[in-house]
Protein backbone atom coordinates (compact mmCIF):
# COMPACT_ATOMS: atom_id res chain seq x y z
CA MET A 1 34.61 0.70 23.50
CA LYS A 2 31.30 2.56 23.87
CA LYS A 3 31.57 3.78 20.27
CA LEU A 4 31.83 0.19 19.07
CA ASN A 5 28.62 -0.79 20.90
CA HIS A 6 26.86 2.24 19.40
CA ARG A 7 27.91 1.17 15.89
CA LYS A 8 26.73 -2.36 16.57
CA ARG A 9 23.32 -1.06 17.68
CA ILE A 10 23.02 1.05 14.54
CA PHE A 11 23.89 -1.97 12.38
CA ILE A 12 21.32 -4.18 14.12
CA ILE A 13 18.58 -1.53 13.81
CA THR A 14 19.40 -1.03 10.12
CA LEU A 15 19.36 -4.79 9.56
CA ILE A 16 15.94 -5.10 11.25
CA LEU A 17 14.57 -2.25 9.10
CA CYS A 18 15.98 -3.92 5.99
CA VAL A 19 14.32 -7.25 6.83
CA PHE A 20 11.02 -5.48 7.63
CA SER A 21 11.18 -3.61 4.33
CA LEU A 22 11.96 -6.82 2.42
CA LEU A 23 9.07 -8.70 4.03
CA SER A 24 6.70 -5.79 3.35
CA THR A 25 7.79 -5.74 -0.30
CA ILE A 26 7.14 -9.47 -0.64
CA VAL A 27 3.70 -9.19 0.98
CA LEU A 28 2.75 -6.25 -1.26
CA TYR A 29 3.94 -8.16 -4.34
CA MET A 30 1.75 -11.12 -3.38
CA ILE A 31 -1.23 -8.82 -2.78
CA ILE A 32 -0.80 -7.18 -6.19
CA ASN A 33 -0.59 -10.51 -8.01
CA ASN A 34 -3.60 -11.97 -6.19
CA THR A 35 -5.80 -8.89 -6.48
CA LYS A 36 -8.60 -9.12 -8.97
CA VAL A 37 -8.48 -5.92 -11.00
CA ASN A 38 -11.68 -4.33 -12.23
CA TYR A 39 -11.55 -3.51 -15.89
CA LYS A 40 -13.59 -3.85 -19.03
CA LYS A 41 -11.96 -5.22 -22.17
CA ILE A 42 -12.98 -3.00 -25.07
CA GLU A 43 -12.16 -2.26 -28.68
CA CYS A 44 -11.31 1.27 -29.76
CA ILE A 45 -10.00 3.06 -32.83
CA VAL A 46 -6.54 4.64 -32.90
CA SER A 47 -6.96 8.30 -33.79
CA ASN A 48 -3.42 9.63 -33.37
CA VAL A 49 0.09 8.32 -32.67
CA THR A 50 2.86 10.67 -31.58
CA ILE A 51 6.43 9.59 -30.91
CA LYS A 52 8.52 11.94 -28.80
CA ARG A 53 12.27 11.50 -28.66
CA ASN A 54 13.80 12.15 -25.27
CA TYR A 55 17.50 12.72 -25.01
CA GLY A 56 19.01 11.26 -21.89
CA LYS A 57 21.92 12.62 -19.88
CA THR A 58 24.18 9.95 -21.32
CA ASN A 59 24.84 9.05 -24.94
CA ARG A 60 23.80 5.42 -24.51
CA GLY A 61 20.85 5.76 -26.82
CA ASN A 62 17.57 7.52 -27.14
CA ARG A 63 14.38 7.00 -25.24
CA TYR A 64 11.04 7.42 -26.91
CA ASP A 65 7.68 8.28 -25.43
CA TYR A 66 4.72 6.91 -27.34
CA ILE A 67 1.52 8.91 -27.07
CA VAL A 68 -1.37 6.98 -28.54
CA THR A 69 -4.79 8.62 -28.63
CA VAL A 70 -7.81 6.40 -29.20
CA LEU A 71 -11.48 6.98 -29.80
CA TYR A 72 -13.99 5.09 -27.67
CA ASN A 73 -17.71 5.96 -27.45
CA ASN A 74 -17.06 9.21 -29.34
CA LYS A 75 -14.59 10.32 -26.66
CA LYS A 76 -10.81 10.62 -27.02
CA TYR A 77 -8.59 8.83 -24.50
CA LYS A 78 -4.86 8.62 -24.03
CA LEU A 79 -3.83 4.96 -24.17
CA ASN A 80 -1.54 4.25 -21.21
CA ASN A 81 1.22 1.63 -20.99
CA VAL A 82 2.28 1.64 -24.66
CA TYR A 83 5.87 0.45 -25.16
CA ASP A 84 8.40 -0.23 -27.93
CA SER A 85 7.43 -3.88 -28.27
CA ASN A 86 3.83 -3.20 -29.24
CA ILE A 87 3.96 0.23 -30.91
CA ASN A 88 3.78 -1.24 -34.44
CA LYS A 89 0.18 -2.38 -34.00
CA TYR A 90 -1.04 1.19 -33.31
CA ASP A 91 -1.53 2.69 -36.75
CA GLU A 92 -4.12 5.43 -37.21
CA GLY A 93 -7.58 4.10 -38.00
CA VAL A 94 -6.84 0.57 -36.72
CA LEU A 95 -9.21 -1.16 -34.29
CA VAL A 96 -7.27 -2.25 -31.18
CA LYS A 97 -8.08 -3.94 -27.88
CA ALA A 98 -7.73 -1.94 -24.68
CA TYR A 99 -8.62 -2.17 -21.01
CA LEU A 100 -10.94 0.41 -19.45
CA SER A 101 -10.51 0.99 -15.72
CA LYS A 102 -11.53 4.05 -13.69
CA ASP A 103 -12.11 6.12 -16.84
CA GLN A 104 -8.56 5.37 -18.07
CA LEU A 105 -7.55 3.18 -21.02
CA TYR A 106 -4.57 0.82 -20.85
CA ALA A 107 -2.82 -1.15 -23.57
CA ASN A 108 -2.55 -4.29 -21.42
CA GLU A 109 -3.72 -5.83 -18.15
CA GLU A 110 -0.37 -5.13 -16.43
CA GLY A 111 -0.98 -1.43 -16.93
CA VAL A 112 -4.23 -1.69 -15.00
CA LYS A 113 -2.51 -3.62 -12.17
CA THR A 114 0.42 -1.22 -11.85
CA SER A 115 -1.76 1.88 -11.82
CA SER A 116 -3.31 1.12 -8.42
CA SER A 117 -2.22 2.82 -5.22
CA ILE A 118 -1.06 -0.48 -3.69
CA SER A 119 1.31 -1.02 -6.61
CA ASN A 120 2.75 2.46 -6.06
CA LEU A 121 3.31 1.50 -2.42
CA TYR A 122 4.99 -1.71 -3.60
CA PHE A 123 7.44 0.22 -5.77
CA VAL A 124 8.22 2.59 -2.88
CA PHE A 125 8.99 -0.37 -0.60
CA LEU A 126 11.02 -2.04 -3.36
CA PHE A 127 13.31 0.99 -3.70
CA VAL A 128 13.50 1.43 0.09
CA THR A 129 14.51 -2.23 0.42
CA ILE A 130 17.28 -1.83 -2.15
CA GLY A 131 18.49 1.32 -0.37
CA MET A 132 18.36 -0.34 3.06
CA PHE A 133 20.31 -3.32 1.72
CA ILE A 134 23.05 -1.00 0.46
CA VAL A 135 23.11 0.89 3.79
CA CYS A 136 23.38 -2.44 5.66
CA LEU A 137 26.33 -3.47 3.51
CA VAL A 138 28.12 -0.17 4.09
CA ILE A 139 27.49 -0.11 7.85
CA GLY A 140 28.36 -3.80 8.19
CA THR A 141 31.69 -3.48 6.40
CA ASN A 142 32.58 -0.33 8.37
CA TYR A 143 31.66 -2.08 11.63
CA LYS A 144 33.82 -5.08 10.72
CA LYS A 145 36.76 -2.81 9.80
CA GLU A 146 36.49 -0.92 13.10
CA LYS A 147 36.30 -4.16 15.04
CA ASN A 148 39.48 -5.44 13.33
CA ILE A 149 41.26 -2.13 14.05
CA ASP A 150 40.25 -2.30 17.73
CA ILE A 151 41.56 -5.87 17.97
CA GLN A 152 44.87 -4.81 16.39
CA ILE A 153 45.20 -1.90 18.83
CA LYS A 154 44.51 -4.19 21.81
CA ASN A 155 47.11 -6.68 20.59
CA GLN A 156 49.70 -3.92 20.17
CA LEU A 157 48.98 -2.57 23.67
CA LYS A 158 49.43 -6.04 25.19
CA ASN A 159 52.85 -6.46 23.54
């Protein structure tokens, strides 16, 4: 019977940690969306576009990394946050809009937001929350199974 109480305590502690992690993730998400990001919207010239093909561990398709180099104030920068959906507008010699923040250039405002340390913390809490939810499910189902087995054993001993 003591083992059952121990399992119940573990489940309750895990559930509390899961709720704490979920609430922290929600608060961090709200902070990120309400934070005013400091950036300067600029125009720069695309100097080089490189597409690297990455082969994944599965054969479900290929993943590409887009490396776009731009020229701004006679200095070359790597343009961060370039994806499949907007790669066609980055031809060499074309004038494009970018966002300058902390001596880094980004293709869009979301790139500036997700590059902050608080957004990294948000993603850590997001993955921890998902992991804690899975652990809660596993511990909860095991606890319920053990409880049903203990009830069956008690009923058999009474008969």
